[in-house]
Amino acid sequence: MDYKRPSVYNYFKLLTDHLGDENFPFFHEDKFVWPRQLEIHLPGNHIIPCQLACNHCQGRLFKKDLDFWEIDVLELLNFLKGTIPFQIYGGAYTEPLINPYLMTFLHTTKKYGNHFGIHTNGILLNQLEETQGWLTELNRISTDKVDYLSISLDAGSAKGWSKSKNTKNEYWFYEILEGIKKVSKLRRDNSHAIRICYLITEYTSDLEDILNIVDISKEFKVDSLRFSIPYGIYTKKFDKLSNYKEEIEDIQHIKYSELLKNIVSKDDNEIPYIFYVSPDTTNVENYYFDKCIYGFFQITIGADGYLYKCSSTAAPNALNHRLGKVTSNMQEFVNAILQNYDETWNCKIECFEKGLRCNRMGIEVNQEYSRRNKQ
């Protein structure tokens, strides 16, 4: 089966395009460089981190501290004046759409010609449009398909969705669909991309559910539909991840890659572009490298009020990954970035032995760096 991904998922190329050099000399450059992205994990609504408690949430085992720092970071974005070209609004354990400052952040991102990415469960899309014209405004300020709205729908039916998301409120599934319908109708030539993500779980693996989400994606003409198998939850020890690979990932990969082979797109220009991401890209065997260049790709603001090396460890569980408190001071922020460009950081000791590990982006860029430097 062809596992070809859209170009926006080729992370090492995105990084070298940002740095302007396919052979960029990581850790050996005198000139300071900004990372490609600033990932901002807005602190829920300061009361709860998220409306859901999904069974396969990667941050399910994280401590979920929330802090009040939005004004400081808005000041920081205004001081940066667009020098970091992408701001990603998601969360290791938080839902960005419940945060009262999100639209202000998005306006600040676009004010300086930057691009945004939003990762959401989608529950509030319809309500925010009805009460605030939120989707209309999001569409108005977007400038092209580099901007994107990504919805973790993960199901093709209300029953499967509620079981996967660990909630009894099946109505939310229809709210999400109505929100996607509305945002798709608002589309214009320069609109942001609309992406749907679908985790295939024991609750959402029926062919009927999968075909239903394919039909929905085609009806709404979303830009992409990504299928994948959940990878092991963060903070689990690597011996348990090995068991998960053998007992879950390997078996499900054989089953679902066969199921999807006649569903995924054959032409790069298909809309939606439907693709499957193999668990081979994230399984435990990928963590063989020592050096980390992920800091050149992005730095993360955690919901708990700290700067972190890595978006997948931006939680109080990873104290050794903290780069300092969230700040509006430019020099303090630059110092945190420089601290993140640390050639002496040993991933095996500081991350893997502590049950901390990269996401798909981090794996790809670090593997490529390892390959090029023959670690």
Protein backbone atom coordinates (compact mmCIF):
# COMPACT_ATOMS: atom_id res chain seq x y z
CA MET A 1 0.00 0.00 0.00
CA ASP A 2 1.24 3.50 -0.89
CA TYR A 3 1.76 5.61 2.25
CA LYS A 4 2.36 8.85 0.38
CA ARG A 5 1.56 11.94 2.44
CA PRO A 6 0.77 15.47 1.30
CA SER A 7 3.84 17.71 1.17
CA VAL A 8 2.70 19.59 4.28
CA TYR A 9 3.50 16.42 6.26
CA ASN A 10 7.14 16.17 5.03
CA TYR A 11 8.60 17.71 8.15
CA PHE A 12 12.34 17.68 7.46
CA LYS A 13 11.79 19.43 4.12
CA LEU A 14 9.57 21.99 5.84
CA LEU A 15 12.42 22.62 8.27
CA THR A 16 15.17 22.98 5.67
CA ASP A 17 12.91 25.16 3.50
CA HIS A 18 12.50 27.44 6.52
CA LEU A 19 16.26 27.49 7.18
CA GLY A 20 16.97 28.11 3.49
CA ASP A 21 19.57 25.38 3.22
CA GLU A 22 19.05 21.68 2.53
CA ASN A 23 22.41 21.04 4.22
CA PHE A 24 21.98 23.46 7.12
CA PRO A 25 24.86 23.02 9.64
CA PHE A 26 22.87 22.37 12.83
CA PHE A 27 24.75 23.31 16.02
CA HIS A 28 27.59 24.80 13.95
CA GLU A 29 26.12 28.11 12.85
CA ASP A 30 27.30 31.34 14.48
CA LYS A 31 24.29 33.30 13.26
CA PHE A 32 21.15 33.03 15.39
CA VAL A 33 18.16 31.47 13.60
CA TRP A 34 14.53 31.50 14.62
CA PRO A 35 12.63 28.21 14.77
CA ARG A 36 10.03 27.54 12.11
CA GLN A 37 7.12 27.36 14.53
CA LEU A 38 5.89 28.52 17.89
CA GLU A 39 3.38 26.02 19.24
CA ILE A 40 0.99 27.54 21.76
CA HIS A 41 -0.95 25.29 24.11
CA LEU A 42 -3.64 27.64 25.36
CA PRO A 43 -4.65 26.76 28.95
CA GLY A 44 -8.19 25.56 28.27
CA ASN A 45 -10.70 27.98 29.75
CA HIS A 46 -8.69 28.15 32.99
CA ILE A 47 -11.26 25.86 34.62
CA ILE A 48 -10.97 22.69 32.55
CA PRO A 49 -8.31 21.71 29.99
CA CYS A 50 -10.78 20.08 27.57
CA GLN A 51 -14.43 19.01 27.38
CA LEU A 52 -13.46 15.41 26.63
CA ALA A 53 -11.45 12.56 28.16
CA CYS A 54 -10.63 10.61 25.01
CA ASN A 55 -9.51 7.03 25.49
CA HIS A 56 -6.58 7.52 23.11
CA CYS A 57 -5.58 11.08 24.04
CA GLN A 58 -1.79 11.22 23.95
CA GLY A 59 -1.76 13.46 27.04
CA ARG A 60 -4.21 11.40 29.08
CA LEU A 61 -1.58 10.54 31.70
CA PHE A 62 -0.08 14.03 31.90
CA LYS A 63 -0.53 16.31 34.88
CA LYS A 64 -2.88 18.97 33.55
CA ASP A 65 -1.84 22.25 35.16
CA LEU A 66 -3.34 25.46 33.75
CA ASP A 67 -1.92 28.95 34.14
CA PHE A 68 -2.83 32.54 33.16
CA TRP A 69 -0.24 33.82 30.66
CA GLU A 70 -2.12 34.83 27.49
CA ILE A 71 -1.41 38.58 27.78
CA ASP A 72 2.34 37.95 28.14
CA VAL A 73 2.41 35.78 25.03
CA LEU A 74 0.35 38.25 23.01
CA GLU A 75 2.92 40.90 23.96
CA LEU A 76 5.67 38.51 22.90
CA LEU A 77 4.07 37.96 19.48
CA ASN A 78 3.91 41.71 18.99
CA PHE A 79 7.57 42.04 19.94
CA LEU A 80 8.51 39.20 17.57
CA LYS A 81 6.81 41.03 14.68
CA GLY A 82 6.50 37.89 12.57
CA THR A 83 10.04 36.51 12.89
CA ILE A 84 8.67 33.03 13.68
CA PRO A 85 6.50 32.35 10.61
CA PHE A 86 4.07 29.76 12.01
CA GLN A 87 1.98 29.68 15.17
CA ILE A 88 0.28 26.38 15.93
CA TYR A 89 -2.62 26.36 18.38
CA GLY A 90 -3.18 22.94 19.89
CA GLY A 91 -2.44 21.24 23.15
CA ALA A 92 -0.75 18.27 24.78
CA TYR A 93 -3.84 18.06 26.99
CA THR A 94 -5.89 21.17 26.21
CA GLU A 95 -8.54 22.22 23.69
CA PRO A 96 -7.79 25.65 22.11
CA LEU A 97 -11.36 26.58 21.11
CA ILE A 98 -12.52 26.85 24.73
CA ASN A 99 -9.91 29.54 25.42
CA PRO A 100 -11.34 33.10 25.39
CA TYR A 101 -8.20 34.55 23.77
CA LEU A 102 -7.91 32.28 20.73
CA MET A 103 -9.27 34.69 18.10
CA THR A 104 -7.08 37.47 19.48
CA PHE A 105 -4.08 35.20 19.05
CA LEU A 106 -5.10 34.33 15.50
CA HIS A 107 -5.47 38.01 14.60
CA THR A 108 -2.03 38.71 16.05
CA THR A 109 -0.57 35.85 14.00
CA LYS A 110 -2.04 37.25 10.78
CA LYS A 111 -1.19 40.84 11.71
CA TYR A 112 2.47 40.08 10.98
CA GLY A 113 1.92 37.95 7.88
CA ASN A 114 2.40 34.66 9.71
CA HIS A 115 0.39 31.49 9.26
CA PHE A 116 -1.72 29.61 11.78
CA GLY A 117 -2.61 26.00 12.40
CA ILE A 118 -5.43 24.98 14.74
CA HIS A 119 -5.85 21.48 16.17
CA THR A 120 -9.28 21.03 17.72
CA ASN A 121 -11.85 18.42 18.70
CA GLY A 122 -14.36 20.58 16.79
CA ILE A 123 -17.15 20.57 19.38
CA LEU A 124 -17.45 24.36 19.55
CA LEU A 125 -17.14 25.18 15.84
CA ASN A 126 -20.89 25.46 15.22
CA GLN A 127 -21.71 27.21 18.48
CA LEU A 128 -18.95 29.79 18.01
CA GLU A 129 -20.20 30.55 14.49
CA GLU A 130 -23.79 30.95 15.68
CA THR A 131 -22.92 33.20 18.62
CA GLN A 132 -19.88 35.11 17.37
CA GLY A 133 -19.53 34.54 13.62
CA TRP A 134 -16.25 32.88 14.60
CA LEU A 135 -15.82 30.71 11.50
CA THR A 136 -16.72 33.65 9.28
CA GLU A 137 -13.98 35.68 10.94
CA LEU A 138 -11.48 32.82 10.75
CA ASN A 139 -12.17 32.51 7.05
CA ARG A 140 -11.85 36.27 6.56
CA ILE A 141 -8.41 36.55 8.13
CA SER A 142 -6.91 33.42 6.50
CA THR A 143 -4.76 34.11 3.46
CA ASP A 144 -4.12 30.72 1.83
CA LYS A 145 -4.11 26.98 2.47
CA VAL A 146 -0.91 27.18 4.48
CA ASP A 147 -3.27 28.33 7.22
CA TYR A 148 -5.26 25.34 8.38
CA LEU A 149 -8.00 24.09 10.67
CA SER A 150 -7.53 20.45 11.70
CA ILE A 151 -10.42 18.59 13.33
CA SER A 152 -9.79 15.37 15.26
CA LEU A 153 -13.10 13.75 14.41
CA ASP A 154 -11.90 10.14 14.78
CA ALA A 155 -15.27 8.56 13.96
CA GLY A 156 -17.91 8.16 11.29
CA SER A 157 -20.93 7.76 13.58
CA ALA A 158 -22.20 9.34 16.79
CA LYS A 159 -22.10 6.02 18.64
CA GLY A 160 -18.49 5.29 17.73
CA TRP A 161 -17.50 8.89 18.39
CA SER A 162 -18.97 8.97 21.91
CA LYS A 163 -17.32 5.68 22.86
CA SER A 164 -13.96 6.72 21.47
CA LYS A 165 -14.18 10.14 23.12
CA ASN A 166 -15.38 8.68 26.43
CA THR A 167 -18.54 10.77 26.65
CA LYS A 168 -22.27 10.05 26.68
CA ASN A 169 -23.07 13.20 24.73
CA GLU A 170 -23.55 11.83 21.20
CA TYR A 171 -25.13 15.14 20.16
CA TRP A 172 -21.68 16.72 20.05
CA PHE A 173 -20.80 14.55 17.05
CA TYR A 174 -23.57 16.22 15.02
CA GLU A 175 -22.45 19.63 16.29
CA ILE A 176 -18.99 18.94 14.90
CA LEU A 177 -20.40 17.91 11.53
CA GLU A 178 -22.54 21.04 11.39
CA GLY A 179 -19.45 23.12 12.17
CA ILE A 180 -17.46 21.44 9.39
CA LYS A 181 -20.38 21.97 7.01
CA LYS A 182 -20.50 25.68 7.81
CA VAL A 183 -16.76 26.24 7.55
CA SER A 184 -16.71 24.44 4.19
CA LYS A 185 -19.53 26.66 2.84
CA LEU A 186 -17.54 29.76 3.76
CA ARG A 187 -14.64 28.71 1.54
CA ARG A 188 -13.18 31.21 -0.91
CA ASP A 189 -10.01 31.25 -3.06
CA ASN A 190 -7.75 32.31 -0.19
CA SER A 191 -9.40 30.28 2.57
CA HIS A 192 -7.50 28.18 5.07
CA ALA A 193 -7.27 24.43 4.56
CA ILE A 194 -9.72 22.11 6.30
CA ARG A 195 -8.26 18.83 7.52
CA ILE A 196 -10.03 15.90 9.17
CA CYS A 197 -8.12 13.34 11.23
CA TYR A 198 -9.49 9.87 11.96
CA LEU A 199 -7.95 7.55 14.55
CA ILE A 200 -9.04 4.01 13.84
CA THR A 201 -9.91 2.45 17.19
CA GLU A 202 -11.92 -0.53 18.38
CA TYR A 203 -14.95 1.78 18.43
CA THR A 204 -14.52 3.33 14.99
CA SER A 205 -13.08 0.57 12.80
CA ASP A 206 -16.27 -0.63 11.09
CA LEU A 207 -16.14 -0.24 7.33
CA GLU A 208 -19.51 1.52 7.49
CA ASP A 209 -18.08 4.21 9.77
CA ILE A 210 -15.02 4.65 7.59
CA LEU A 211 -17.05 4.95 4.39
CA ASN A 212 -19.35 7.41 6.13
CA ILE A 213 -16.50 9.77 7.01
CA VAL A 214 -15.18 9.45 3.47
CA ASP A 215 -18.60 10.46 2.12
CA ILE A 216 -18.80 13.36 4.58
CA SER A 217 -15.32 14.56 3.59
CA LYS A 218 -16.22 14.44 -0.08
CA GLU A 219 -19.55 16.17 0.46
CA PHE A 220 -17.91 19.04 2.32
CA LYS A 221 -14.87 19.04 0.00
CA VAL A 222 -12.40 19.22 2.86
CA ASP A 223 -8.76 19.35 1.81
CA SER A 224 -7.58 16.14 3.43
CA LEU A 225 -8.68 13.12 5.44
CA ARG A 226 -5.97 11.30 7.38
CA PHE A 227 -6.40 7.82 8.81
CA SER A 228 -4.02 6.44 11.42
CA ILE A 229 -3.80 4.02 14.34
CA PRO A 230 -3.34 5.54 17.82
CA TYR A 231 0.20 5.30 19.06
CA GLY A 232 1.04 4.54 22.68
CA ILE A 233 0.10 7.20 25.21
CA TYR A 234 2.89 9.51 26.36
CA THR A 235 4.81 8.73 29.61
CA LYS A 236 4.51 4.96 29.15
CA LYS A 237 7.78 3.07 29.57
CA PHE A 238 9.40 1.73 26.44
CA ASP A 239 8.97 -1.93 27.38
CA LYS A 240 5.20 -1.33 27.39
CA LEU A 241 5.49 0.44 24.04
CA SER A 242 7.21 -2.64 22.64
CA ASN A 243 4.29 -4.78 23.81
CA TYR A 244 1.87 -2.26 22.30
CA LYS A 245 3.68 -2.48 18.96
CA GLU A 246 3.53 -6.28 18.87
CA GLU A 247 0.02 -6.72 20.25
CA ILE A 248 -1.78 -3.72 18.75
CA GLU A 249 0.08 -1.73 16.10
CA ASP A 250 1.48 -4.57 13.99
CA ILE A 251 -1.80 -6.48 13.91
CA GLN A 252 -4.00 -3.47 13.28
CA HIS A 253 -1.67 -2.15 10.60
CA ILE A 254 -2.08 -5.33 8.55
CA LYS A 255 -5.84 -5.20 8.96
CA TYR A 256 -6.48 -1.53 8.30
CA SER A 257 -3.95 -0.96 5.53
CA GLU A 258 -5.77 -3.71 3.64
CA LEU A 259 -9.15 -2.18 4.49
CA LEU A 260 -8.09 1.25 3.23
CA LYS A 261 -6.14 0.30 0.11
CA ASN A 262 -9.10 1.00 -2.21
CA ILE A 263 -10.17 4.10 -0.26
CA VAL A 264 -6.98 6.20 -0.15
CA SER A 265 -6.32 8.69 -2.95
CA LYS A 266 -4.43 7.59 -6.02
CA ASP A 267 -4.02 11.07 -7.49
CA ASP A 268 -2.22 13.91 -5.72
CA ASN A 269 -4.85 16.37 -6.93
CA GLU A 270 -7.85 14.57 -5.43
CA ILE A 271 -10.03 16.61 -3.08
CA PRO A 272 -10.21 15.53 -0.40
CA TYR A 273 -6.79 13.91 -0.43
CA ILE A 274 -7.34 10.72 1.57
CA PHE A 275 -4.29 9.00 3.05
CA TYR A 276 -3.18 6.56 5.70
CA VAL A 277 -0.21 7.04 8.02
CA SER A 278 1.40 3.77 9.01
CA PRO A 279 2.22 3.17 12.71
CA ASP A 280 5.72 2.31 11.49
CA THR A 281 6.39 6.06 11.53
CA THR A 282 5.88 6.34 15.29
CA ASN A 283 6.44 2.91 16.82
CA VAL A 284 9.00 2.28 19.56
CA GLU A 285 11.70 1.13 17.11
CA ASN A 286 12.06 4.70 15.80
CA TYR A 287 13.73 6.03 18.94
CA TYR A 288 17.34 5.11 18.20
CA PHE A 289 18.89 8.58 17.82
CA ASP A 290 20.83 10.59 20.42
CA LYS A 291 20.73 14.16 19.13
CA CYS A 292 17.70 16.46 18.96
CA ILE A 293 17.25 19.17 16.32
CA TYR A 294 13.53 19.54 16.95
CA GLY A 295 14.21 22.89 18.61
CA PHE A 296 15.01 24.31 15.18
CA PHE A 297 11.55 23.21 14.05
CA GLN A 298 9.64 24.67 16.98
CA ILE A 299 9.53 25.79 20.58
CA THR A 300 6.41 25.19 22.66
CA ILE A 301 4.50 27.25 25.19
CA GLY A 302 2.90 24.83 27.64
CA ALA A 303 -0.52 25.31 29.19
CA ASP A 304 1.13 25.30 32.62
CA GLY A 305 3.06 28.52 31.92
CA TYR A 306 6.48 27.14 30.92
CA LEU A 307 8.46 27.05 27.70
CA TYR A 308 9.28 23.50 26.60
CA LYS A 309 11.74 21.83 24.26
CA CYS A 310 9.12 19.61 22.72
CA SER A 311 5.41 19.85 22.01
CA SER A 312 4.85 16.20 22.93
CA THR A 313 6.37 16.69 26.42
CA ALA A 314 4.93 20.13 27.22
CA ALA A 315 3.51 19.14 30.59
CA PRO A 316 4.56 19.16 34.27
CA ASN A 317 5.65 15.52 33.89
CA ALA A 318 8.68 16.72 31.90
CA LEU A 319 10.41 19.11 34.27
CA ASN A 320 13.78 18.55 32.59
CA HIS A 321 12.32 19.74 29.27
CA ARG A 322 11.44 23.17 30.61
CA LEU A 323 13.32 26.14 29.16
CA GLY A 324 12.02 28.72 31.63
CA LYS A 325 8.80 30.49 32.48
CA VAL A 326 6.57 31.95 29.80
CA THR A 327 7.76 35.49 29.20
CA SER A 328 7.09 38.63 27.18
CA ASN A 329 10.76 39.59 27.47
CA MET A 330 12.49 39.15 24.10
CA GLN A 331 15.94 38.46 25.50
CA GLU A 332 14.62 35.82 27.89
CA PHE A 333 12.77 34.20 25.00
CA VAL A 334 15.84 34.23 22.76
CA ASN A 335 17.85 32.67 25.59
CA ALA A 336 15.27 29.89 25.82
CA ILE A 337 15.59 29.23 22.07
CA LEU A 338 19.39 29.11 22.34
CA GLN A 339 19.05 26.71 25.26
CA ASN A 340 16.90 24.54 23.01
CA TYR A 341 19.70 24.38 20.41
CA ASP A 342 21.72 22.08 22.64
CA GLU A 343 24.06 19.62 20.92
CA THR A 344 24.87 17.94 24.25
CA TRP A 345 21.24 16.94 24.87
CA ASN A 346 21.06 13.15 24.86
CA CYS A 347 17.60 11.95 23.84
CA LYS A 348 18.15 8.44 25.14
CA ILE A 349 18.96 9.68 28.65
CA GLU A 350 16.86 12.84 28.95
CA CYS A 351 13.78 11.56 27.09
CA PHE A 352 13.50 7.87 26.35
CA GLU A 353 14.72 6.55 29.70
CA LYS A 354 12.15 8.80 31.38
CA GLY A 355 9.22 7.60 29.25
CA LEU A 356 9.25 10.83 27.22
CA ARG A 357 9.36 10.73 23.46
CA CYS A 358 8.93 12.64 20.20
CA ASN A 359 5.83 13.00 18.10
CA ARG A 360 5.85 12.24 14.38
CA MET A 361 7.48 15.58 13.52
CA GLY A 362 10.28 15.14 16.03
CA ILE A 363 10.94 11.56 14.98
CA GLU A 364 11.24 12.47 11.31
CA VAL A 365 13.60 15.43 11.69
CA ASN A 366 15.79 13.67 14.26
CA GLN A 367 16.00 10.47 12.21
CA GLU A 368 17.04 12.42 9.14
CA TYR A 369 19.68 14.33 11.12
CA SER A 370 20.96 11.04 12.53
CA ARG A 371 21.11 9.50 9.05
CA ARG A 372 22.99 12.43 7.58
CA ASN A 373 25.47 12.46 10.43
CA LYS A 374 25.66 8.66 10.67
CA GLN A 375 24.97 8.51 14.41
